[in-house]
Amino acid sequence: MPAQDEIFRNIRVVAQGSDALRDEHEAIKNKLTGGIDLLTPDERQLIDEKTSIVDRNLENILLGVEEAQVMVALASHFQNLEADKQKYKAQVRRLCQENAWIRDELNST
């Protein structure tokens, strides 16, 4: 099973690829709709159908990009939580040691 860091690295790569794919689809859509005023009604209908397909693809791509961004944000948040957890564990160990030292000092007086 891949390590957590590797999974999130792959998510970032996929997100970048999805961004590029989104840009490509937007360029295709702009190219399709660029000269639509000069077309016949039949040609316009064909362009509308193609644009509709590109729009659906764009929606799916955007959803994927947003999901990847959420996963990356969650990964970052979980890493911060884990770091805080480790920090607090170290603090508890130090406090326990200090508490034991204070008890020893009190017992010896």
N, C-alpha and C. Protein backbone atom coordinates (compact mmCIF):
# COMPACT_ATOMS: atom_id res chain seq x y z
N MET A 1 0.85 -1.19 0.00
CA MET A 1 0.00 0.00 0.00
C MET A 1 0.89 1.25 0.00
N PRO A 2 0.60 2.21 -0.87
CA PRO A 2 1.44 3.41 -0.94
C PRO A 2 1.37 4.22 0.35
N ALA A 3 2.46 4.89 0.63
CA ALA A 3 2.52 5.73 1.82
C ALA A 3 1.61 6.95 1.63
N GLN A 4 1.20 7.51 2.76
CA GLN A 4 0.28 8.65 2.73
C GLN A 4 0.87 9.82 1.95
N ASP A 5 2.15 10.09 2.15
CA ASP A 5 2.79 11.20 1.43
C ASP A 5 2.76 10.97 -0.08
N GLU A 6 2.99 9.72 -0.48
CA GLU A 6 2.98 9.40 -1.91
C GLU A 6 1.58 9.58 -2.50
N ILE A 7 0.57 9.19 -1.75
CA ILE A 7 -0.81 9.36 -2.21
C ILE A 7 -1.11 10.83 -2.44
N PHE A 8 -0.73 11.68 -1.49
CA PHE A 8 -1.03 13.10 -1.62
C PHE A 8 -0.19 13.76 -2.70
N ARG A 9 1.02 13.25 -2.92
CA ARG A 9 1.83 13.75 -4.04
C ARG A 9 1.12 13.42 -5.36
N ASN A 10 0.59 12.19 -5.43
CA ASN A 10 -0.13 11.79 -6.64
C ASN A 10 -1.40 12.61 -6.84
N ILE A 11 -2.07 12.94 -5.74
CA ILE A 11 -3.27 13.78 -5.84
C ILE A 11 -2.91 15.14 -6.42
N ARG A 12 -1.79 15.69 -5.97
CA ARG A 12 -1.36 17.00 -6.49
C ARG A 12 -1.05 16.92 -7.99
N VAL A 13 -0.41 15.82 -8.40
CA VAL A 13 -0.09 15.65 -9.82
C VAL A 13 -1.37 15.54 -10.63
N VAL A 14 -2.32 14.76 -10.13
CA VAL A 14 -3.60 14.61 -10.83
C VAL A 14 -4.33 15.94 -10.89
N ALA A 15 -4.28 16.71 -9.81
CA ALA A 15 -4.93 18.02 -9.79
C ALA A 15 -4.32 18.94 -10.85
N GLN A 16 -2.99 18.90 -10.97
CA GLN A 16 -2.34 19.73 -11.98
C GLN A 16 -2.74 19.28 -13.39
N GLY A 17 -2.81 17.96 -13.59
CA GLY A 17 -3.25 17.44 -14.88
C GLY A 17 -4.69 17.84 -15.18
N SER A 18 -5.53 17.80 -14.15
CA SER A 18 -6.93 18.20 -14.32
C SER A 18 -7.04 19.68 -14.64
N ASP A 19 -6.20 20.49 -14.03
CA ASP A 19 -6.18 21.92 -14.36
C ASP A 19 -5.84 22.13 -15.83
N ALA A 20 -4.84 21.40 -16.30
CA ALA A 20 -4.44 21.52 -17.71
C ALA A 20 -5.57 21.06 -18.62
N LEU A 21 -6.24 19.98 -18.22
CA LEU A 21 -7.36 19.47 -19.01
C LEU A 21 -8.51 20.47 -19.03
N ARG A 22 -8.75 21.12 -17.91
CA ARG A 22 -9.79 22.15 -17.84
C ARG A 22 -9.46 23.29 -18.80
N ASP A 23 -8.21 23.74 -18.77
CA ASP A 23 -7.79 24.83 -19.66
C ASP A 23 -7.97 24.43 -21.13
N GLU A 24 -7.64 23.18 -21.42
CA GLU A 24 -7.77 22.69 -22.79
C GLU A 24 -9.25 22.68 -23.22
N HIS A 25 -10.12 22.22 -22.33
CA HIS A 25 -11.55 22.20 -22.65
C HIS A 25 -12.11 23.61 -22.81
N GLU A 26 -11.66 24.53 -22.00
CA GLU A 26 -12.12 25.91 -22.13
C GLU A 26 -11.66 26.50 -23.47
N ALA A 27 -10.45 26.15 -23.88
CA ALA A 27 -9.96 26.62 -25.18
C ALA A 27 -10.79 26.02 -26.31
N ILE A 28 -11.14 24.74 -26.18
CA ILE A 28 -11.98 24.10 -27.20
C ILE A 28 -13.33 24.79 -27.27
N LYS A 29 -13.91 25.06 -26.11
CA LYS A 29 -15.22 25.72 -26.07
C LYS A 29 -15.15 27.11 -26.72
N ASN A 30 -14.11 27.86 -26.39
CA ASN A 30 -13.94 29.20 -26.98
C ASN A 30 -13.78 29.12 -28.49
N LYS A 31 -13.04 28.09 -28.95
CA LYS A 31 -12.84 27.92 -30.38
C LYS A 31 -14.16 27.57 -31.07
N LEU A 32 -14.95 26.71 -30.41
CA LEU A 32 -16.24 26.32 -30.99
C LEU A 32 -17.20 27.50 -31.09
N THR A 33 -17.23 28.33 -30.07
CA THR A 33 -18.21 29.42 -30.02
C THR A 33 -17.70 30.71 -30.64
N GLY A 34 -16.47 30.71 -31.08
CA GLY A 34 -15.85 31.93 -31.61
C GLY A 34 -16.56 32.53 -32.80
N GLY A 35 -16.89 31.75 -33.79
CA GLY A 35 -17.51 32.30 -35.00
C GLY A 35 -18.93 31.82 -35.19
N ILE A 36 -19.64 31.60 -34.12
CA ILE A 36 -20.98 31.00 -34.19
C ILE A 36 -21.98 31.89 -34.93
N ASP A 37 -21.77 33.19 -34.93
CA ASP A 37 -22.71 34.11 -35.60
C ASP A 37 -22.70 33.95 -37.12
N LEU A 38 -21.61 33.44 -37.66
CA LEU A 38 -21.48 33.31 -39.11
C LEU A 38 -22.01 31.97 -39.64
N LEU A 39 -22.50 31.11 -38.76
CA LEU A 39 -22.90 29.76 -39.15
C LEU A 39 -24.37 29.68 -39.52
N THR A 40 -24.68 28.65 -40.29
CA THR A 40 -26.08 28.36 -40.62
C THR A 40 -26.75 27.75 -39.39
N PRO A 41 -28.08 27.72 -39.36
CA PRO A 41 -28.77 27.14 -38.20
C PRO A 41 -28.38 25.68 -37.93
N ASP A 42 -28.20 24.89 -38.99
CA ASP A 42 -27.80 23.49 -38.78
C ASP A 42 -26.40 23.40 -38.17
N GLU A 43 -25.50 24.22 -38.69
CA GLU A 43 -24.14 24.24 -38.13
C GLU A 43 -24.15 24.75 -36.69
N ARG A 44 -24.99 25.72 -36.45
CA ARG A 44 -25.10 26.28 -35.10
C ARG A 44 -25.61 25.21 -34.12
N GLN A 45 -26.58 24.41 -34.57
CA GLN A 45 -27.11 23.34 -33.72
C GLN A 45 -26.02 22.32 -33.40
N LEU A 46 -25.21 21.97 -34.39
CA LEU A 46 -24.11 21.04 -34.18
C LEU A 46 -23.11 21.61 -33.18
N ILE A 47 -22.79 22.88 -33.33
CA ILE A 47 -21.86 23.54 -32.40
C ILE A 47 -22.45 23.57 -31.00
N ASP A 48 -23.76 23.83 -30.89
CA ASP A 48 -24.41 23.83 -29.58
C ASP A 48 -24.32 22.46 -28.91
N GLU A 49 -24.52 21.40 -29.70
CA GLU A 49 -24.41 20.04 -29.15
C GLU A 49 -22.99 19.77 -28.66
N LYS A 50 -22.02 20.15 -29.48
CA LYS A 50 -20.62 19.94 -29.08
C LYS A 50 -20.28 20.77 -27.84
N THR A 51 -20.77 21.99 -27.81
CA THR A 51 -20.52 22.86 -26.66
C THR A 51 -21.14 22.28 -25.40
N SER A 52 -22.32 21.69 -25.56
CA SER A 52 -22.98 21.05 -24.43
C SER A 52 -22.14 19.90 -23.87
N ILE A 53 -21.57 19.11 -24.76
CA ILE A 53 -20.71 18.00 -24.34
C ILE A 53 -19.47 18.53 -23.63
N VAL A 54 -18.87 19.56 -24.21
CA VAL A 54 -17.68 20.16 -23.59
C VAL A 54 -18.03 20.74 -22.22
N ASP A 55 -19.20 21.37 -22.11
CA ASP A 55 -19.63 21.92 -20.81
C ASP A 55 -19.79 20.83 -19.76
N ARG A 56 -20.39 19.70 -20.14
CA ARG A 56 -20.53 18.58 -19.19
C ARG A 56 -19.17 18.08 -18.76
N ASN A 57 -18.27 17.94 -19.73
CA ASN A 57 -16.91 17.50 -19.39
C ASN A 57 -16.23 18.49 -18.46
N LEU A 58 -16.42 19.78 -18.75
CA LEU A 58 -15.83 20.83 -17.90
C LEU A 58 -16.36 20.74 -16.48
N GLU A 59 -17.66 20.51 -16.33
CA GLU A 59 -18.24 20.38 -14.99
C GLU A 59 -17.61 19.23 -14.23
N ASN A 60 -17.44 18.09 -14.91
CA ASN A 60 -16.82 16.93 -14.27
C ASN A 60 -15.36 17.19 -13.92
N ILE A 61 -14.67 17.86 -14.81
CA ILE A 61 -13.26 18.19 -14.55
C ILE A 61 -13.16 19.14 -13.37
N LEU A 62 -14.01 20.16 -13.35
CA LEU A 62 -13.99 21.12 -12.24
C LEU A 62 -14.31 20.44 -10.92
N LEU A 63 -15.25 19.51 -10.94
CA LEU A 63 -15.57 18.76 -9.73
C LEU A 63 -14.35 17.98 -9.26
N GLY A 64 -13.66 17.33 -10.20
CA GLY A 64 -12.46 16.59 -9.84
C GLY A 64 -11.37 17.49 -9.28
N VAL A 65 -11.20 18.65 -9.89
CA VAL A 65 -10.19 19.61 -9.40
C VAL A 65 -10.55 20.06 -7.99
N GLU A 66 -11.82 20.38 -7.77
CA GLU A 66 -12.24 20.84 -6.44
C GLU A 66 -12.08 19.73 -5.41
N GLU A 67 -12.40 18.49 -5.77
CA GLU A 67 -12.23 17.38 -4.84
C GLU A 67 -10.76 17.17 -4.51
N ALA A 68 -9.90 17.29 -5.51
CA ALA A 68 -8.47 17.15 -5.25
C ALA A 68 -7.97 18.26 -4.33
N GLN A 69 -8.47 19.48 -4.54
CA GLN A 69 -8.08 20.59 -3.67
C GLN A 69 -8.53 20.34 -2.23
N VAL A 70 -9.73 19.79 -2.07
CA VAL A 70 -10.22 19.48 -0.73
C VAL A 70 -9.34 18.41 -0.09
N MET A 71 -8.98 17.38 -0.86
CA MET A 71 -8.14 16.32 -0.31
C MET A 71 -6.77 16.85 0.10
N VAL A 72 -6.21 17.72 -0.71
CA VAL A 72 -4.90 18.31 -0.38
C VAL A 72 -5.02 19.16 0.88
N ALA A 73 -6.10 19.94 0.98
CA ALA A 73 -6.30 20.77 2.18
C ALA A 73 -6.49 19.89 3.41
N LEU A 74 -7.24 18.81 3.27
CA LEU A 74 -7.43 17.88 4.39
C LEU A 74 -6.11 17.23 4.79
N ALA A 75 -5.32 16.85 3.80
CA ALA A 75 -4.03 16.24 4.10
C ALA A 75 -3.15 17.20 4.89
N SER A 76 -3.14 18.44 4.46
CA SER A 76 -2.36 19.45 5.17
C SER A 76 -2.87 19.63 6.59
N HIS A 77 -4.18 19.67 6.73
CA HIS A 77 -4.78 19.82 8.05
C HIS A 77 -4.43 18.63 8.95
N PHE A 78 -4.52 17.42 8.40
CA PHE A 78 -4.19 16.23 9.18
C PHE A 78 -2.72 16.21 9.58
N GLN A 79 -1.86 16.67 8.69
CA GLN A 79 -0.43 16.74 9.03
C GLN A 79 -0.22 17.73 10.17
N ASN A 80 -0.90 18.86 10.12
CA ASN A 80 -0.80 19.84 11.21
C ASN A 80 -1.32 19.27 12.51
N LEU A 81 -2.44 18.54 12.44
CA LEU A 81 -2.98 17.91 13.65
C LEU A 81 -2.01 16.90 14.23
N GLU A 82 -1.39 16.12 13.36
CA GLU A 82 -0.42 15.12 13.83
C GLU A 82 0.78 15.79 14.47
N ALA A 83 1.24 16.88 13.88
CA ALA A 83 2.37 17.62 14.46
C ALA A 83 1.98 18.17 15.83
N ASP A 84 0.77 18.73 15.94
CA ASP A 84 0.31 19.23 17.24
C ASP A 84 0.21 18.10 18.25
N LYS A 85 -0.29 16.96 17.81
CA LYS A 85 -0.41 15.80 18.70
C LYS A 85 0.96 15.39 19.24
N GLN A 86 1.95 15.34 18.37
CA GLN A 86 3.30 14.97 18.80
C GLN A 86 3.86 16.02 19.77
N LYS A 87 3.59 17.28 19.48
CA LYS A 87 4.06 18.37 20.35
C LYS A 87 3.43 18.23 21.73
N TYR A 88 2.13 17.95 21.77
CA TYR A 88 1.44 17.83 23.06
C TYR A 88 1.90 16.59 23.82
N LYS A 89 2.19 15.51 23.11
CA LYS A 89 2.72 14.31 23.78
C LYS A 89 4.06 14.62 24.44
N ALA A 90 4.91 15.34 23.72
CA ALA A 90 6.21 15.71 24.29
C ALA A 90 6.02 16.62 25.50
N GLN A 91 5.07 17.52 25.41
CA GLN A 91 4.80 18.42 26.53
C GLN A 91 4.29 17.63 27.73
N VAL A 92 3.43 16.66 27.52
CA VAL A 92 2.92 15.82 28.61
C VAL A 92 4.07 15.05 29.25
N ARG A 93 4.98 14.51 28.44
CA ARG A 93 6.15 13.79 28.99
C ARG A 93 6.99 14.72 29.86
N ARG A 94 7.24 15.93 29.37
CA ARG A 94 8.03 16.88 30.17
C ARG A 94 7.32 17.23 31.47
N LEU A 95 6.01 17.45 31.40
CA LEU A 95 5.26 17.78 32.62
C LEU A 95 5.25 16.61 33.60
N CYS A 96 5.14 15.40 33.09
CA CYS A 96 5.20 14.23 33.98
C CYS A 96 6.57 14.12 34.65
N GLN A 97 7.61 14.37 33.87
CA GLN A 97 8.96 14.34 34.45
C GLN A 97 9.12 15.43 35.50
N GLU A 98 8.63 16.61 35.19
CA GLU A 98 8.72 17.72 36.13
C GLU A 98 7.90 17.42 37.39
N ASN A 99 6.73 16.84 37.20
CA ASN A 99 5.88 16.47 38.32
C ASN A 99 6.58 15.44 39.21
N ALA A 100 7.20 14.44 38.58
CA ALA A 100 7.93 13.43 39.35
C ALA A 100 9.10 14.06 40.10
N TRP A 101 9.80 14.98 39.45
CA TRP A 101 10.92 15.65 40.11
C TRP A 101 10.43 16.46 41.31
N ILE A 102 9.31 17.19 41.14
CA ILE A 102 8.75 17.98 42.25
C ILE A 102 8.33 17.07 43.39
N ARG A 103 7.73 15.93 43.08
CA ARG A 103 7.35 14.97 44.14
C ARG A 103 8.58 14.48 44.90
N ASP A 104 9.62 14.17 44.13
CA ASP A 104 10.86 13.72 44.78
C ASP A 104 11.41 14.80 45.69
N GLU A 105 11.37 16.04 45.21
CA GLU A 105 11.86 17.15 46.02
C GLU A 105 11.02 17.32 47.28
N LEU A 106 9.71 17.21 47.14
CA LEU A 106 8.82 17.34 48.31
C LEU A 106 9.03 16.20 49.29
N ASN A 107 9.25 15.00 48.79
CA ASN A 107 9.47 13.84 49.67
C ASN A 107 10.80 13.94 50.40
N SER A 108 11.77 14.57 49.78
CA SER A 108 13.10 14.66 50.40
C SER A 108 13.19 15.81 51.40
N THR A 109 12.19 16.67 51.46
CA THR A 109 12.24 17.78 52.43
C THR A 109 11.48 17.48 53.68
